[in-house]
C-alpha atoms as a PDB file:
ATOM      1  CA  MET A   1      72.896  42.949  78.214  1.00  0.00           C
ATOM      2  CA  LEU A   2      72.647  39.084  77.823  1.00  0.00           C
ATOM      3  CA  ALA A   3      75.992  38.225  79.693  1.00  0.00           C
ATOM      4  CA  LEU A   4      74.188  40.280  82.519  1.00  0.00           C
ATOM      5  CA  LEU A   5      71.096  38.230  82.295  1.00  0.00           C
ATOM      6  CA  ALA A   6      72.886  35.019  81.983  1.00  0.00           C
ATOM      7  CA  GLN A   7      75.189  35.194  85.150  1.00  0.00           C
ATOM      8  CA  ASP A   8      74.369  32.560  87.843  1.00  0.00           C
ATOM      9  CA  THR A   9      72.468  33.529  91.109  1.00  0.00           C
ATOM     10  CA  PRO A  10      75.122  33.908  94.035  1.00  0.00           C
ATOM     11  CA  THR A  11      74.941  30.939  96.259  1.00  0.00           C
ATOM     12  CA  GLY A  12      78.217  31.161  98.263  1.00  0.00           C
ATOM     13  CA  PRO A  13      78.367  31.306 101.931  1.00  0.00           C
ATOM     14  CA  GLU A  14      77.678  34.933 102.281  1.00  0.00           C
ATOM     15  CA  PHE A  15      74.275  34.770 100.287  1.00  0.00           C
ATOM     16  CA  GLY A  16      71.199  34.984 102.232  1.00  0.00           C
ATOM     17  CA  LYS A  17      72.403  36.004 105.290  1.00  0.00           C
ATOM     18  CA  ALA A  18      70.010  38.729 106.403  1.00  0.00           C
ATOM     19  CA  SER A  19      67.746  37.304 109.296  1.00  0.00           C
ATOM     20  CA  PRO A  20      64.197  38.344 109.842  1.00  0.00           C
ATOM     21  CA  LEU A  21      65.398  39.903 113.058  1.00  0.00           C
ATOM     22  CA  GLY A  22      66.955  42.759 110.768  1.00  0.00           C
ATOM     23  CA  LEU A  23      63.153  43.525 109.302  1.00  0.00           C
ATOM     24  CA  LEU A  24      62.012  43.531 112.871  1.00  0.00           C
ATOM     25  CA  VAL A  25      64.411  46.350 114.034  1.00  0.00           C
ATOM     26  CA  VAL A  26      63.425  48.171 110.728  1.00  0.00           C
ATOM     27  CA  LEU A  27      59.999  47.731 111.514  1.00  0.00           C
ATOM     28  CA  ILE A  28      60.448  48.955 115.257  1.00  0.00           C
ATOM     29  CA  LEU A  29      62.427  51.913 114.308  1.00  0.00           C
ATOM     30  CA  LEU A  30      59.700  52.943 111.329  1.00  0.00           C
ATOM     31  CA  ALA A  31      57.020  52.453 114.141  1.00  0.00           C
ATOM     32  CA  GLY A  32      58.758  54.882 116.617  1.00  0.00           C
ATOM     33  CA  THR A  33      59.210  57.456 113.965  1.00  0.00           C
ATOM     34  CA  VAL A  34      55.765  57.470 113.057  1.00  0.00           C
ATOM     35  CA  LEU A  35      54.663  57.995 116.688  1.00  0.00           C
ATOM     36  CA  LEU A  36      57.349  60.538 117.413  1.00  0.00           C
ATOM     37  CA  VAL A  37      56.081  62.606 114.274  1.00  0.00           C
ATOM     38  CA  ARG A  38      52.437  62.441 115.424  1.00  0.00           C
ATOM     39  CA  SER A  39      53.348  63.416 119.040  1.00  0.00           C
ATOM     40  CA  MET A  40      55.268  66.447 117.568  1.00  0.00           C
ATOM     41  CA  ASN A  41      52.393  67.462 115.583  1.00  0.00           C
ATOM     42  CA  LYS A  42      49.869  67.071 118.367  1.00  0.00           C
ATOM     43  CA  HIS A  43      52.304  69.258 120.487  1.00  0.00           C
ATOM     44  CA  LEU A  44      52.565  71.969 117.608  1.00  0.00           C
ATOM     45  CA  LYS A  45      49.122  72.300 117.099  1.00  0.00           C
ATOM     46  CA  ALA A  46      48.676  73.083 120.913  1.00  0.00           C
ATOM     47  CA  LEU A  47      51.023  76.118 120.474  1.00  0.00           C
ATOM     48  CA  PRO A  48      49.545  79.677 120.298  1.00  0.00           C
ATOM     49  CA  ASP A  49      49.815  81.439 116.935  1.00  0.00           C
ATOM     50  CA  THR A  50      52.182  84.284 118.430  1.00  0.00           C
ATOM     51  CA  PHE A  51      53.861  84.305 121.991  1.00  0.00           C
ATOM     52  CA  GLU A  52      53.045  88.298 122.498  1.00  0.00           C
ATOM     53  CA  PRO A  53      51.365  89.320 125.194  1.00  0.00           C
ATOM     54  CA  GLU A  54      47.629  89.670 124.922  1.00  0.00           C
ATOM     55  CA  HIS A  55      47.170  92.767 127.405  1.00  0.00           C
ATOM     56  CA  PRO A  56      50.732  94.486 127.503  1.00  0.00           C
ATOM     57  CA  GLU A  57      50.685  96.747 130.634  1.00  0.00           C
ATOM     58  CA  PRO A  58      52.233 100.095 130.019  1.00  0.00           C
ATOM     59  CA  ASP A  59      54.929  99.362 132.622  1.00  0.00           C
ATOM     60  CA  GLN A  60      55.772  96.077 131.304  1.00  0.00           C
ATOM     61  CA  LYS A  61      59.404  95.690 130.518  1.00  0.00           C
ATOM     62  CA  ALA A  62      60.732  94.903 126.931  1.00  0.00           C
ATOM     63  CA  ASP A  63      62.560  91.951 127.983  1.00  0.00           C
ATOM     64  CA  GLU A  64      59.739  90.064 129.800  1.00  0.00           C
ATOM     65  CA  GLY A  65      60.495  86.497 130.080  1.00  0.00           C
ATOM     66  CA  THR A  66      64.222  86.569 130.705  1.00  0.00           C
ATOM     67  CA  GLU A  67      65.645  84.384 133.240  1.00  0.00           C
ATOM     68  CA  PRO A  68      64.767  85.729 136.953  1.00  0.00           C
ATOM     69  CA  GLY A  69      67.478  87.169 138.804  1.00  0.00           C
ATOM     70  CA  VAL A  70      69.096  88.930 135.966  1.00  0.00           C
ATOM     71  CA  ILE A  71      70.184  92.522 136.993  1.00  0.00           C
ATOM     72  CA  PRO A  72      68.732  94.766 134.301  1.00  0.00           C
ATOM     73  CA  ALA A  73      71.484  97.140 132.918  1.00  0.00           C
ATOM     74  CA  THR A  74      71.390 100.787 133.350  1.00  0.00           C
ATOM     75  CA  ASP A  75      71.615 103.748 131.077  1.00  0.00           C
ATOM     76  CA  GLU A  76      73.381 105.717 133.860  1.00  0.00           C
ATOM     77  CA  GLY A  77      77.424 105.300 133.972  1.00  0.00           C
ATOM     78  CA  SER A  78      77.096 105.812 137.939  1.00  0.00           C
ATOM     79  CA  ALA A  79      75.789 102.408 138.907  1.00  0.00           C
ATOM     80  CA  GLU A  80      78.247  99.781 140.239  1.00  0.00           C
ATOM     81  CA  PRO A  81      78.661  96.710 138.633  1.00  0.00           C
ATOM     82  CA  PRO A  82      77.099  93.935 139.548  1.00  0.00           C
ATOM     83  CA  LYS A  83      78.761  91.360 142.335  1.00  0.00           C
ATOM     84  CA  PRO A  84      79.326  87.922 140.855  1.00  0.00           C
ATOM     85  CA  ALA A  85      77.087  85.102 142.493  1.00  0.00           C
ATOM     86  CA  THR A  86      79.579  82.722 144.647  1.00  0.00           C
END
């Protein structure tokens, strides 16, 4: 234990090479992270509790919210397949 405490402090050419620019970069990254977390929390608080429709109509499809232009599948096997978009 005494040998560890009695060691000389490093004074070679590699000692003390950290510049204040490194601290500045770390502080800028920390500030950016804090601002992003605050913005995310603000956006999350604005979301509704549920995304279910408030007054679903009886004829409303179960897959509402899918992309427009998607052709729904039919239960009948006689329907011809959709043509690929060109």
